Amino acid sequence: MATYEELYGLKNNSDLNNKVEVAISKSAYDISNEDPATDNHANRLIWAKEALGNPESKRQEMLWALLAANSSADIGVILGAADTVIQSAISDVINLFATG
C-alpha cells in the first residue's frame, strides 16, 4: 500500500500526468458522442467541451480522484497501471466533476 507521502509525490510524476491527460481527452471525446439520453449528459457535455479545449485544466482534480480510488495499491502498481485501468478510473469519476 502506498503511503500518503508517496501518493502526494505522484502529483508531479510526468508519465502518470500524461496518461491522465490523455484519458481525460479520450473520455471527453467519448462524451461528445454519447447518447443524449445518458444520465447527466448536459453537464457531462459541458465538462467534455472544457476538457477537450484544455485537458490540463482538468488533470489535477482527476489525478487526485485516481489516486484516492487506488490508495490501497502499491506505488509500483499505480505507476505501472495499463492505459485501460487509468481510462476506467477517470471515466468512473467524471460525473463527480460534471456539475455544469
PDB file of N, CA and C in Angstrom:
ATOM      1  N   MET A   1       0.847  -1.177   0.000  1.00  0.00           N
ATOM      2  CA  MET A   1       0.000   0.000   0.000  1.00  0.00           C
ATOM      3  C   MET A   1       0.891   1.238   0.000  1.00  0.00           C
ATOM      4  N   ALA A   2       0.583   2.172  -0.879  1.00  0.00           N
ATOM      5  CA  ALA A   2       1.347   3.411  -0.967  1.00  0.00           C
ATOM      6  C   ALA A   2       1.046   4.286   0.246  1.00  0.00           C
ATOM      7  N   THR A   3       2.058   4.964   0.712  1.00  0.00           N
ATOM      8  CA  THR A   3       1.847   5.903   1.811  1.00  0.00           C
ATOM      9  C   THR A   3       1.265   7.191   1.250  1.00  0.00           C
ATOM     10  N   TYR A   4       0.716   8.006   2.125  1.00  0.00           N
ATOM     11  CA  TYR A   4       0.189   9.294   1.685  1.00  0.00           C
ATOM     12  C   TYR A   4       1.295  10.146   1.069  1.00  0.00           C
ATOM     13  N   GLU A   5       2.484  10.069   1.643  1.00  0.00           N
ATOM     14  CA  GLU A   5       3.603  10.838   1.103  1.00  0.00           C
ATOM     15  C   GLU A   5       3.943  10.377  -0.313  1.00  0.00           C
ATOM     16  N   GLU A   6       3.930   9.062  -0.531  1.00  0.00           N
ATOM     17  CA  GLU A   6       4.193   8.539  -1.873  1.00  0.00           C
ATOM     18  C   GLU A   6       3.103   8.962  -2.847  1.00  0.00           C
ATOM     19  N   LEU A   7       1.861   8.882  -2.411  1.00  0.00           N
ATOM     20  CA  LEU A   7       0.753   9.310  -3.270  1.00  0.00           C
ATOM     21  C   LEU A   7       0.874  10.788  -3.607  1.00  0.00           C
ATOM     22  N   TYR A   8       1.201  11.589  -2.621  1.00  0.00           N
ATOM     23  CA  TYR A   8       1.362  13.029  -2.848  1.00  0.00           C
ATOM     24  C   TYR A   8       2.468  13.285  -3.869  1.00  0.00           C
ATOM     25  N   GLY A   9       3.532  12.521  -3.789  1.00  0.00           N
ATOM     26  CA  GLY A   9       4.638  12.682  -4.718  1.00  0.00           C
ATOM     27  C   GLY A   9       4.266  12.381  -6.160  1.00  0.00           C
ATOM     28  N   LEU A  10       3.233  11.586  -6.359  1.00  0.00           N
ATOM     29  CA  LEU A  10       2.808  11.240  -7.721  1.00  0.00           C
ATOM     30  C   LEU A  10       2.177  12.410  -8.456  1.00  0.00           C
ATOM     31  N   LYS A  11       1.791  13.449  -7.739  1.00  0.00           N
ATOM     32  CA  LYS A  11       1.173  14.599  -8.417  1.00  0.00           C
ATOM     33  C   LYS A  11       2.129  15.247  -9.404  1.00  0.00           C
ATOM     34  N   ASN A  12       3.435  14.998  -9.250  1.00  0.00           N
ATOM     35  CA  ASN A  12       4.429  15.570 -10.151  1.00  0.00           C
ATOM     36  C   ASN A  12       5.054  14.541 -11.087  1.00  0.00           C
ATOM     37  N   ASN A  13       4.509  13.341 -11.117  1.00  0.00           N
ATOM     38  CA  ASN A  13       5.053  12.307 -11.989  1.00  0.00           C
ATOM     39  C   ASN A  13       4.579  12.558 -13.424  1.00  0.00           C
ATOM     40  N   SER A  14       5.520  12.898 -14.280  1.00  0.00           N
ATOM     41  CA  SER A  14       5.142  13.300 -15.643  1.00  0.00           C
ATOM     42  C   SER A  14       4.475  12.178 -16.429  1.00  0.00           C
ATOM     43  N   ASP A  15       4.947  10.943 -16.277  1.00  0.00           N
ATOM     44  CA  ASP A  15       4.333   9.832 -17.015  1.00  0.00           C
ATOM     45  C   ASP A  15       2.879   9.636 -16.595  1.00  0.00           C
ATOM     46  N   LEU A  16       2.628   9.656 -15.297  1.00  0.00           N
ATOM     47  CA  LEU A  16       1.262   9.486 -14.809  1.00  0.00           C
ATOM     48  C   LEU A  16       0.389  10.664 -15.217  1.00  0.00           C
ATOM     49  N   ASN A  17       0.916  11.870 -15.124  1.00  0.00           N
ATOM     50  CA  ASN A  17       0.156  13.046 -15.545  1.00  0.00           C
ATOM     51  C   ASN A  17      -0.182  12.984 -17.028  1.00  0.00           C
ATOM     52  N   ASN A  18       0.756  12.527 -17.833  1.00  0.00           N
ATOM     53  CA  ASN A  18       0.493  12.409 -19.271  1.00  0.00           C
ATOM     54  C   ASN A  18      -0.609  11.394 -19.551  1.00  0.00           C
ATOM     55  N   LYS A  19      -0.568  10.265 -18.848  1.00  0.00           N
ATOM     56  CA  LYS A  19      -1.604   9.238 -19.034  1.00  0.00           C
ATOM     57  C   LYS A  19      -2.973   9.773 -18.633  1.00  0.00           C
ATOM     58  N   VAL A  20      -3.019  10.480 -17.525  1.00  0.00           N
ATOM     59  CA  VAL A  20      -4.293  11.038 -17.051  1.00  0.00           C
ATOM     60  C   VAL A  20      -4.827  12.055 -18.050  1.00  0.00           C
ATOM     61  N   GLU A  21      -3.960  12.876 -18.579  1.00  0.00           N
ATOM     62  CA  GLU A  21      -4.395  13.884 -19.545  1.00  0.00           C
ATOM     63  C   GLU A  21      -4.953  13.254 -20.822  1.00  0.00           C
ATOM     64  N   VAL A  22      -4.315  12.205 -21.292  1.00  0.00           N
ATOM     65  CA  VAL A  22      -4.827  11.508 -22.474  1.00  0.00           C
ATOM     66  C   VAL A  22      -6.162  10.842 -22.149  1.00  0.00           C
ATOM     67  N   ALA A  23      -6.273  10.233 -20.970  1.00  0.00           N
ATOM     68  CA  ALA A  23      -7.536   9.598 -20.573  1.00  0.00           C
ATOM     69  C   ALA A  23      -8.660  10.627 -20.481  1.00  0.00           C
ATOM     70  N   ILE A  24      -8.351  11.811 -19.987  1.00  0.00           N
ATOM     71  CA  ILE A  24      -9.344  12.895 -19.931  1.00  0.00           C
ATOM     72  C   ILE A  24      -9.804  13.250 -21.337  1.00  0.00           C
ATOM     73  N   SER A  25      -8.865  13.412 -22.250  1.00  0.00           N
ATOM     74  CA  SER A  25      -9.206  13.764 -23.631  1.00  0.00           C
ATOM     75  C   SER A  25     -10.063  12.690 -24.285  1.00  0.00           C
ATOM     76  N   LYS A  26      -9.700  11.435 -24.071  1.00  0.00           N
ATOM     77  CA  LYS A  26     -10.484  10.344 -24.658  1.00  0.00           C
ATOM     78  C   LYS A  26     -11.885  10.302 -24.064  1.00  0.00           C
ATOM     79  N   SER A  27     -11.985  10.450 -22.756  1.00  0.00           N
ATOM     80  CA  SER A  27     -13.310  10.463 -22.115  1.00  0.00           C
ATOM     81  C   SER A  27     -14.146  11.628 -22.631  1.00  0.00           C
ATOM     82  N   ALA A  28     -13.524  12.781 -22.762  1.00  0.00           N
ATOM     83  CA  ALA A  28     -14.241  13.953 -23.260  1.00  0.00           C
ATOM     84  C   ALA A  28     -14.750  13.719 -24.673  1.00  0.00           C
ATOM     85  N   TYR A  29     -13.923  13.136 -25.515  1.00  0.00           N
ATOM     86  CA  TYR A  29     -14.350  12.824 -26.878  1.00  0.00           C
ATOM     87  C   TYR A  29     -15.509  11.827 -26.875  1.00  0.00           C
ATOM     88  N   ASP A  30     -15.396  10.805 -26.055  1.00  0.00           N
ATOM     89  CA  ASP A  30     -16.463   9.801 -25.964  1.00  0.00           C
ATOM     90  C   ASP A  30     -17.772  10.436 -25.507  1.00  0.00           C
ATOM     91  N   ILE A  31     -17.697  11.332 -24.556  1.00  0.00           N
ATOM     92  CA  ILE A  31     -18.904  12.020 -24.066  1.00  0.00           C
ATOM     93  C   ILE A  31     -19.528  12.855 -25.180  1.00  0.00           C
ATOM     94  N   SER A  32     -18.704  13.470 -26.008  1.00  0.00           N
ATOM     95  CA  SER A  32     -19.245  14.294 -27.093  1.00  0.00           C
ATOM     96  C   SER A  32     -20.030  13.465 -28.096  1.00  0.00           C
ATOM     97  N   ASN A  33     -19.835  12.158 -28.067  1.00  0.00           N
ATOM     98  CA  ASN A  33     -20.541  11.255 -28.984  1.00  0.00           C
ATOM     99  C   ASN A  33     -21.534  10.336 -28.290  1.00  0.00           C
ATOM    100  N   GLU A  34     -21.748  10.540 -26.991  1.00  0.00           N
ATOM    101  CA  GLU A  34     -22.648   9.637 -26.281  1.00  0.00           C
ATOM    102  C   GLU A  34     -24.113   9.979 -26.545  1.00  0.00           C
ATOM    103  N   ASP A  35     -24.976   9.064 -26.234  1.00  0.00           N
ATOM    104  CA  ASP A  35     -26.415   9.232 -26.379  1.00  0.00           C
ATOM    105  C   ASP A  35     -26.875  10.396 -25.498  1.00  0.00           C
ATOM    106  N   PRO A  36     -27.596  11.350 -26.049  1.00  0.00           N
ATOM    107  CA  PRO A  36     -28.094  12.476 -25.249  1.00  0.00           C
ATOM    108  C   PRO A  36     -28.990  12.055 -24.084  1.00  0.00           C
ATOM    109  N   ALA A  37     -29.487  10.830 -24.119  1.00  0.00           N
ATOM    110  CA  ALA A  37     -30.320  10.331 -23.023  1.00  0.00           C
ATOM    111  C   ALA A  37     -29.473   9.807 -21.849  1.00  0.00           C
ATOM    112  N   THR A  38     -28.153   9.822 -22.003  1.00  0.00           N
ATOM    113  CA  THR A  38     -27.268   9.380 -20.918  1.00  0.00           C
ATOM    114  C   THR A  38     -27.495  10.252 -19.692  1.00  0.00           C
ATOM    115  N   ASP A  39     -27.515   9.607 -18.549  1.00  0.00           N
ATOM    116  CA  ASP A  39     -27.686  10.325 -17.289  1.00  0.00           C
ATOM    117  C   ASP A  39     -26.656  11.454 -17.168  1.00  0.00           C
ATOM    118  N   ASN A  40     -27.110  12.650 -16.810  1.00  0.00           N
ATOM    119  CA  ASN A  40     -26.258  13.815 -16.589  1.00  0.00           C
ATOM    120  C   ASN A  40     -25.567  14.294 -17.871  1.00  0.00           C
ATOM    121  N   HIS A  41     -26.138  13.984 -19.020  1.00  0.00           N
ATOM    122  CA  HIS A  41     -25.489  14.285 -20.298  1.00  0.00           C
ATOM    123  C   HIS A  41     -25.188  15.772 -20.480  1.00  0.00           C
ATOM    124  N   ALA A  42     -26.112  16.649 -20.152  1.00  0.00           N
ATOM    125  CA  ALA A  42     -25.878  18.083 -20.369  1.00  0.00           C
ATOM    126  C   ALA A  42     -24.647  18.565 -19.606  1.00  0.00           C
ATOM    127  N   ASN A  43     -24.534  18.175 -18.356  1.00  0.00           N
ATOM    128  CA  ASN A  43     -23.372  18.574 -17.568  1.00  0.00           C
ATOM    129  C   ASN A  43     -22.105  17.871 -18.037  1.00  0.00           C
ATOM    130  N   ARG A  44     -22.238  16.631 -18.433  1.00  0.00           N
ATOM    131  CA  ARG A  44     -21.090  15.887 -18.949  1.00  0.00           C
ATOM    132  C   ARG A  44     -20.574  16.535 -20.232  1.00  0.00           C
ATOM    133  N   LEU A  45     -21.490  17.023 -21.052  1.00  0.00           N
ATOM    134  CA  LEU A  45     -21.101  17.664 -22.301  1.00  0.00           C
ATOM    135  C   LEU A  45     -20.367  18.984 -22.035  1.00  0.00           C
ATOM    136  N   ILE A  46     -20.820  19.745 -21.059  1.00  0.00           N
ATOM    137  CA  ILE A  46     -20.115  20.973 -20.670  1.00  0.00           C
ATOM    138  C   ILE A  46     -18.702  20.626 -20.217  1.00  0.00           C
ATOM    139  N   TRP A  47     -18.608  19.605 -19.350  1.00  0.00           N
ATOM    140  CA  TRP A  47     -17.297  19.168 -18.871  1.00  0.00           C
ATOM    141  C   TRP A  47     -16.415  18.738 -20.043  1.00  0.00           C
ATOM    142  N   ALA A  48     -16.989  17.972 -20.958  1.00  0.00           N
ATOM    143  CA  ALA A  48     -16.228  17.443 -22.095  1.00  0.00           C
ATOM    144  C   ALA A  48     -15.698  18.560 -22.986  1.00  0.00           C
ATOM    145  N   LYS A  49     -16.511  19.559 -23.250  1.00  0.00           N
ATOM    146  CA  LYS A  49     -16.057  20.676 -24.093  1.00  0.00           C
ATOM    147  C   LYS A  49     -14.899  21.413 -23.430  1.00  0.00           C
ATOM    148  N   GLU A  50     -14.992  21.628 -22.136  1.00  0.00           N
ATOM    149  CA  GLU A  50     -13.901  22.274 -21.403  1.00  0.00           C
ATOM    150  C   GLU A  50     -12.654  21.390 -21.419  1.00  0.00           C
ATOM    151  N   ALA A  51     -12.854  20.096 -21.218  1.00  0.00           N
ATOM    152  CA  ALA A  51     -11.726  19.164 -21.160  1.00  0.00           C
ATOM    153  C   ALA A  51     -11.036  19.012 -22.513  1.00  0.00           C
ATOM    154  N   LEU A  52     -11.800  18.975 -23.580  1.00  0.00           N
ATOM    155  CA  LEU A  52     -11.184  18.859 -24.902  1.00  0.00           C
ATOM    156  C   LEU A  52     -10.415  20.124 -25.254  1.00  0.00           C
ATOM    157  N   GLY A  53     -10.935  21.261 -24.830  1.00  0.00           N
ATOM    158  CA  GLY A  53     -10.266  22.530 -25.107  1.00  0.00           C
ATOM    159  C   GLY A  53      -9.013  22.743 -24.272  1.00  0.00           C
ATOM    160  N   ASN A  54      -8.999  22.151 -23.072  1.00  0.00           N
ATOM    161  CA  ASN A  54      -7.876  22.364 -22.170  1.00  0.00           C
ATOM    162  C   ASN A  54      -7.789  21.201 -21.171  1.00  0.00           C
ATOM    163  N   PRO A  55      -7.309  20.051 -21.613  1.00  0.00           N
ATOM    164  CA  PRO A  55      -7.260  18.897 -20.712  1.00  0.00           C
ATOM    165  C   PRO A  55      -6.374  19.125 -19.485  1.00  0.00           C
ATOM    166  N   GLU A  56      -5.392  20.010 -19.623  1.00  0.00           N
ATOM    167  CA  GLU A  56      -4.515  20.306 -18.498  1.00  0.00           C
ATOM    168  C   GLU A  56      -5.289  20.880 -17.319  1.00  0.00           C
ATOM    169  N   SER A  57      -6.355  21.622 -17.625  1.00  0.00           N
ATOM    170  CA  SER A  57      -7.130  22.266 -16.559  1.00  0.00           C
ATOM    171  C   SER A  57      -7.896  21.253 -15.710  1.00  0.00           C
ATOM    172  N   LYS A  58      -8.112  20.070 -16.228  1.00  0.00           N
ATOM    173  CA  LYS A  58      -8.844  19.024 -15.518  1.00  0.00           C
ATOM    174  C   LYS A  58      -7.920  17.986 -14.878  1.00  0.00           C
ATOM    175  N   ARG A  59      -6.656  18.026 -15.258  1.00  0.00           N
ATOM    176  CA  ARG A  59      -5.726  16.964 -14.874  1.00  0.00           C
ATOM    177  C   ARG A  59      -5.559  16.796 -13.367  1.00  0.00           C
ATOM    178  N   GLN A  60      -5.316  17.862 -12.625  1.00  0.00           N
ATOM    179  CA  GLN A  60      -5.047  17.712 -11.197  1.00  0.00           C
ATOM    180  C   GLN A  60      -6.229  17.114 -10.445  1.00  0.00           C
ATOM    181  N   GLU A  61      -7.433  17.615 -10.701  1.00  0.00           N
ATOM    182  CA  GLU A  61      -8.588  17.076  -9.970  1.00  0.00           C
ATOM    183  C   GLU A  61      -8.825  15.614 -10.318  1.00  0.00           C
ATOM    184  N   MET A  62      -8.635  15.267 -11.567  1.00  0.00           N
ATOM    185  CA  MET A  62      -8.840  13.880 -11.970  1.00  0.00           C
ATOM    186  C   MET A  62      -7.715  12.988 -11.441  1.00  0.00           C
ATOM    187  N   LEU A  63      -6.500  13.514 -11.387  1.00  0.00           N
ATOM    188  CA  LEU A  63      -5.388  12.756 -10.825  1.00  0.00           C
ATOM    189  C   LEU A  63      -5.645  12.450  -9.357  1.00  0.00           C
ATOM    190  N   TRP A  64      -6.123  13.439  -8.603  1.00  0.00           N
ATOM    191  CA  TRP A  64      -6.404  13.206  -7.179  1.00  0.00           C
ATOM    192  C   TRP A  64      -7.498  12.155  -7.007  1.00  0.00           C
ATOM    193  N   ALA A  65      -8.500  12.181  -7.866  1.00  0.00           N
ATOM    194  CA  ALA A  65      -9.558  11.167  -7.801  1.00  0.00           C
ATOM    195  C   ALA A  65      -8.986   9.785  -8.099  1.00  0.00           C
ATOM    196  N   LEU A  66      -8.117   9.703  -9.096  1.00  0.00           N
ATOM    197  CA  LEU A  66      -7.470   8.441  -9.448  1.00  0.00           C
ATOM    198  C   LEU A  66      -6.638   7.910  -8.282  1.00  0.00           C
ATOM    199  N   LEU A  67      -5.864   8.783  -7.658  1.00  0.00           N
ATOM    200  CA  LEU A  67      -5.023   8.367  -6.535  1.00  0.00           C
ATOM    201  C   LEU A  67      -5.855   7.952  -5.332  1.00  0.00           C
ATOM    202  N   ALA A  68      -6.932   8.677  -5.068  1.00  0.00           N
ATOM    203  CA  ALA A  68      -7.807   8.314  -3.946  1.00  0.00           C
ATOM    204  C   ALA A  68      -8.446   6.952  -4.175  1.00  0.00           C
ATOM    205  N   ALA A  69      -8.876   6.710  -5.397  1.00  0.00           N
ATOM    206  CA  ALA A  69      -9.534   5.441  -5.711  1.00  0.00           C
ATOM    207  C   ALA A  69      -8.568   4.256  -5.639  1.00  0.00           C
ATOM    208  N   ASN A  70      -7.292   4.530  -5.800  1.00  0.00           N
ATOM    209  CA  ASN A  70      -6.301   3.457  -5.820  1.00  0.00           C
ATOM    210  C   ASN A  70      -5.297   3.568  -4.680  1.00  0.00           C
ATOM    211  N   SER A  71      -5.693   4.228  -3.614  1.00  0.00           N
ATOM    212  CA  SER A  71      -4.770   4.474  -2.500  1.00  0.00           C
ATOM    213  C   SER A  71      -4.335   3.207  -1.783  1.00  0.00           C
ATOM    214  N   SER A  72      -5.056   2.130  -1.952  1.00  0.00           N
ATOM    215  CA  SER A  72      -4.654   0.879  -1.308  1.00  0.00           C
ATOM    216  C   SER A  72      -3.651   0.088  -2.152  1.00  0.00           C
ATOM    217  N   ALA A  73      -3.370   0.572  -3.336  1.00  0.00           N
ATOM    218  CA  ALA A  73      -2.421  -0.116  -4.221  1.00  0.00           C
ATOM    219  C   ALA A  73      -0.987   0.302  -3.903  1.00  0.00           C
ATOM    220  N   ASP A  74      -0.067  -0.534  -4.269  1.00  0.00           N
ATOM    221  CA  ASP A  74       1.346  -0.235  -4.149  1.00  0.00           C
ATOM    222  C   ASP A  74       1.718   0.823  -5.189  1.00  0.00           C
ATOM    223  N   ILE A  75       2.684   1.643  -4.882  1.00  0.00           N
ATOM    224  CA  ILE A  75       3.098   2.717  -5.782  1.00  0.00           C
ATOM    225  C   ILE A  75       3.506   2.181  -7.152  1.00  0.00           C
ATOM    226  N   GLY A  76       4.177   1.024  -7.172  1.00  0.00           N
ATOM    227  CA  GLY A  76       4.577   0.418  -8.440  1.00  0.00           C
ATOM    228  C   GLY A  76       3.390   0.003  -9.284  1.00  0.00           C
ATOM    229  N   VAL A  77       2.338  -0.455  -8.625  1.00  0.00           N
ATOM    230  CA  VAL A  77       1.113  -0.843  -9.334  1.00  0.00           C
ATOM    231  C   VAL A  77       0.460   0.389  -9.952  1.00  0.00           C
ATOM    232  N   ILE A  78       0.419   1.473  -9.202  1.00  0.00           N
ATOM    233  CA  ILE A  78      -0.177   2.709  -9.717  1.00  0.00           C
ATOM    234  C   ILE A  78       0.615   3.210 -10.922  1.00  0.00           C
ATOM    235  N   LEU A  79       1.918   3.273 -10.781  1.00  0.00           N
ATOM    236  CA  LEU A  79       2.755   3.769 -11.883  1.00  0.00           C
ATOM    237  C   LEU A  79       2.753   2.834 -13.086  1.00  0.00           C
ATOM    238  N   GLY A  80       2.548   1.549 -12.851  1.00  0.00           N
ATOM    239  CA  GLY A  80       2.546   0.584 -13.940  1.00  0.00           C
ATOM    240  C   GLY A  80       1.171   0.266 -14.498  1.00  0.00           C
ATOM    241  N   ALA A  81       0.171   1.014 -14.059  1.00  0.00           N
ATOM    242  CA  ALA A  81      -1.205   0.739 -14.489  1.00  0.00           C
ATOM    243  C   ALA A  81      -1.340   0.848 -16.004  1.00  0.00           C
ATOM    244  N   ALA A  82      -2.049  -0.100 -16.561  1.00  0.00           N
ATOM    245  CA  ALA A  82      -2.314  -0.096 -18.002  1.00  0.00           C
ATOM    246  C   ALA A  82      -3.207   1.089 -18.364  1.00  0.00           C
ATOM    247  N   ASP A  83      -3.116   1.498 -19.603  1.00  0.00           N
ATOM    248  CA  ASP A  83      -3.938   2.604 -20.082  1.00  0.00           C
ATOM    249  C   ASP A  83      -5.419   2.366 -19.808  1.00  0.00           C
ATOM    250  N   THR A  84      -5.864   1.131 -19.998  1.00  0.00           N
ATOM    251  CA  THR A  84      -7.282   0.823 -19.791  1.00  0.00           C
ATOM    252  C   THR A  84      -7.704   1.015 -18.334  1.00  0.00           C
ATOM    253  N   VAL A  85      -6.802   0.732 -17.417  1.00  0.00           N
ATOM    254  CA  VAL A  85      -7.097   0.907 -15.994  1.00  0.00           C
ATOM    255  C   VAL A  85      -7.227   2.393 -15.669  1.00  0.00           C
ATOM    256  N   ILE A  86      -6.314   3.188 -16.196  1.00  0.00           N
ATOM    257  CA  ILE A  86      -6.369   4.641 -15.970  1.00  0.00           C
ATOM    258  C   ILE A  86      -7.630   5.202 -16.616  1.00  0.00           C
ATOM    259  N   GLN A  87      -7.914   4.764 -17.821  1.00  0.00           N
ATOM    260  CA  GLN A  87      -9.108   5.248 -18.526  1.00  0.00           C
ATOM    261  C   GLN A  87     -10.364   4.945 -17.722  1.00  0.00           C
ATOM    262  N   SER A  88     -10.467   3.756 -17.224  1.00  0.00           N
ATOM    263  CA  SER A  88     -11.630   3.360 -16.447  1.00  0.00           C
ATOM    264  C   SER A  88     -11.762   4.195 -15.173  1.00  0.00           C
ATOM    265  N   ALA A  89     -10.649   4.416 -14.495  1.00  0.00           N
ATOM    266  CA  ALA A  89     -10.682   5.211 -13.261  1.00  0.00           C
ATOM    267  C   ALA A  89     -11.128   6.642 -13.531  1.00  0.00           C
ATOM    268  N   ILE A  90     -10.670   7.215 -14.630  1.00  0.00           N
ATOM    269  CA  ILE A  90     -11.061   8.582 -14.986  1.00  0.00           C
ATOM    270  C   ILE A  90     -12.540   8.606 -15.376  1.00  0.00           C
ATOM    271  N   SER A  91     -12.950   7.682 -16.206  1.00  0.00           N
ATOM    272  CA  SER A  91     -14.351   7.633 -16.640  1.00  0.00           C
ATOM    273  C   SER A  91     -15.308   7.466 -15.466  1.00  0.00           C
ATOM    274  N   ASP A  92     -14.868   6.729 -14.461  1.00  0.00           N
ATOM    275  CA  ASP A  92     -15.722   6.459 -13.301  1.00  0.00           C
ATOM    276  C   ASP A  92     -16.030   7.692 -12.457  1.00  0.00           C
ATOM    277  N   VAL A  93     -15.195   8.717 -12.534  1.00  0.00           N
ATOM    278  CA  VAL A  93     -15.404   9.889 -11.663  1.00  0.00           C
ATOM    279  C   VAL A  93     -15.853  11.148 -12.399  1.00  0.00           C
ATOM    280  N   ILE A  94     -16.084  11.055 -13.677  1.00  0.00           N
ATOM    281  CA  ILE A  94     -16.452  12.255 -14.429  1.00  0.00           C
ATOM    282  C   ILE A  94     -17.719  12.906 -13.886  1.00  0.00           C
ATOM    283  N   ASN A  95     -18.723  12.111 -13.550  1.00  0.00           N
ATOM    284  CA  ASN A  95     -19.973  12.706 -13.046  1.00  0.00           C
ATOM    285  C   ASN A  95     -19.774  13.477 -11.748  1.00  0.00           C
ATOM    286  N   LEU A  96     -18.748  13.142 -11.006  1.00  0.00           N
ATOM    287  CA  LEU A  96     -18.438  13.874  -9.788  1.00  0.00           C
ATOM    288  C   LEU A  96     -18.050  15.326 -10.119  1.00  0.00           C
ATOM    289  N   PHE A  97     -17.398  15.521 -11.257  1.00  0.00           N
ATOM    290  CA  PHE A  97     -16.936  16.841 -11.652  1.00  0.00           C
ATOM    291  C   PHE A  97     -17.840  17.521 -12.685  1.00  0.00           C
ATOM    292  N   ALA A  98     -18.683  16.754 -13.343  1.00  0.00           N
ATOM    293  CA  ALA A  98     -19.561  17.303 -14.390  1.00  0.00           C
ATOM    294  C   ALA A  98     -20.842  17.827 -13.742  1.00  0.00           C
ATOM    295  N   THR A  99     -20.723  19.003 -13.189  1.00  0.00           N
ATOM    296  CA  THR A  99     -21.858  19.575 -12.454  1.00  0.00           C
ATOM    297  C   THR A  99     -22.412  20.831 -13.098  1.00  0.00           C
ATOM    298  N   GLY A 100     -21.944  21.192 -14.278  1.00  0.00           N
ATOM    299  CA  GLY A 100     -22.499  22.322 -15.005  1.00  0.00           C
ATOM    300  C   GLY A 100     -21.926  23.618 -14.714  1.00  0.00           C
TER     301      GLY A 100
END
